[in-house]
Amino acid sequence: MTPEHAEIIALQALAHVVADQDLSAAFMGPNGLSAGDMRAGATDPAFLAALLEFLCQRDDWVMAFCDAHGHAYEVPMQARYGLPGNEEVSWT
């Protein structure tokens, strides 16, 4: 998946999370985020990657997102790996 396509998926996920009050509260509350932080995050690939990681924590969240947007269930994780911050680190 290209970084551009991954970002499109992540932006869809952001809109999905914001539109669902329970999901939005589950993401924003523990992270201390405001609505302004969510808006600002839309342009930050690291924020979008974190949002996808959050969404992928539960199968029901992934399924609801994918069903709503016509994606295969593996797409959110593929998008996560298509965004910056997933580079392999070699410590040797």
Protein backbone atom coordinates (compact mmCIF):
# COMPACT_ATOMS: atom_id res chain seq x y z
CA MET A 1 0.00 0.00 0.00
CA THR A 2 1.38 3.40 -0.93
CA PRO A 3 1.75 6.06 1.75
CA GLU A 4 -0.82 8.17 -0.10
CA HIS A 5 -3.40 5.37 -0.11
CA ALA A 6 -2.63 4.60 3.53
CA GLU A 7 -3.27 8.25 4.41
CA ILE A 8 -6.65 8.15 2.64
CA ILE A 9 -7.63 5.07 4.65
CA ALA A 10 -6.42 6.75 7.85
CA LEU A 11 -8.46 9.86 7.13
CA GLN A 12 -11.52 7.68 6.58
CA ALA A 13 -10.77 6.03 9.91
CA LEU A 14 -10.47 9.43 11.58
CA ALA A 15 -13.86 10.47 10.22
CA HIS A 16 -15.31 7.13 11.35
CA VAL A 17 -13.95 7.51 14.89
CA VAL A 18 -15.14 11.11 15.18
CA ALA A 19 -18.63 10.17 13.96
CA ASP A 20 -19.03 7.44 16.61
CA GLN A 21 -19.48 9.01 20.04
CA ASP A 22 -18.38 5.93 21.99
CA LEU A 23 -15.37 5.25 19.79
CA SER A 24 -14.38 8.91 19.83
CA ALA A 25 -14.55 9.01 23.62
CA ALA A 26 -12.50 5.80 23.86
CA PHE A 27 -9.77 7.35 21.71
CA MET A 28 -9.82 10.93 22.94
CA GLY A 29 -10.42 10.41 26.66
CA PRO A 30 -7.42 8.27 27.65
CA ASN A 31 -5.15 10.30 25.38
CA GLY A 32 -6.39 13.66 26.69
CA LEU A 33 -7.28 14.85 23.20
CA SER A 34 -9.62 17.67 22.29
CA ALA A 35 -11.63 18.19 19.13
CA GLY A 36 -8.93 20.64 18.03
CA ASP A 37 -6.28 17.95 18.50
CA MET A 38 -8.30 15.63 16.30
CA ARG A 39 -8.54 18.28 13.56
CA ALA A 40 -4.82 19.01 13.77
CA GLY A 41 -4.06 15.30 13.69
CA ALA A 42 -5.60 14.97 10.26
CA THR A 43 -2.41 16.40 8.77
CA ASP A 44 0.02 14.45 10.96
CA PRO A 45 1.01 10.98 9.65
CA ALA A 46 2.17 9.90 13.11
CA PHE A 47 -1.21 10.82 14.61
CA LEU A 48 -3.01 8.97 11.82
CA ALA A 49 -0.82 5.91 12.43
CA ALA A 50 -1.69 6.03 16.14
CA LEU A 51 -5.38 6.30 15.28
CA LEU A 52 -5.15 3.21 13.06
CA GLU A 53 -3.33 1.32 15.81
CA PHE A 54 -6.14 2.27 18.18
CA LEU A 55 -8.81 1.16 15.72
CA CYS A 56 -7.06 -2.17 15.19
CA GLN A 57 -7.16 -3.03 18.90
CA ARG A 58 -10.59 -4.61 18.60
CA ASP A 59 -12.04 -6.76 15.87
CA ASP A 60 -15.50 -5.24 16.21
CA TRP A 61 -14.08 -1.75 15.62
CA VAL A 62 -12.18 -2.93 12.54
CA MET A 63 -15.20 -4.75 11.18
CA ALA A 64 -17.54 -1.79 11.70
CA PHE A 65 -15.11 0.57 9.97
CA CYS A 66 -14.44 -1.79 7.08
CA ASP A 67 -18.09 -2.67 6.60
CA ALA A 68 -19.02 1.03 6.55
CA HIS A 69 -16.36 1.88 3.97
CA GLY A 70 -16.30 -1.27 1.85
CA HIS A 71 -12.78 -2.33 2.85
CA ALA A 72 -11.42 -5.80 3.45
CA TYR A 73 -10.78 -6.38 7.15
CA GLU A 74 -6.99 -6.32 6.74
CA VAL A 75 -6.94 -2.84 5.17
CA PRO A 76 -6.63 -0.77 8.39
CA MET A 77 -3.51 -2.66 9.49
CA GLN A 78 -2.07 -2.51 5.98
CA ALA A 79 -2.66 1.23 6.02
CA ARG A 80 -0.96 1.48 9.41
CA TYR A 81 2.11 -0.20 7.98
CA GLY A 82 1.98 2.10 4.96
CA LEU A 83 2.38 5.20 7.11
CA PRO A 84 5.64 6.56 8.57
CA GLY A 85 6.77 5.21 11.91
CA ASN A 86 6.77 1.56 10.98
CA GLU A 87 10.40 1.41 9.96
CA GLU A 88 12.39 -1.56 11.17
CA VAL A 89 14.98 -0.55 13.74
CA SER A 90 18.30 -2.36 13.81
CA TRP A 91 20.10 -2.04 17.11
CA THR A 92 23.31 -3.74 15.94
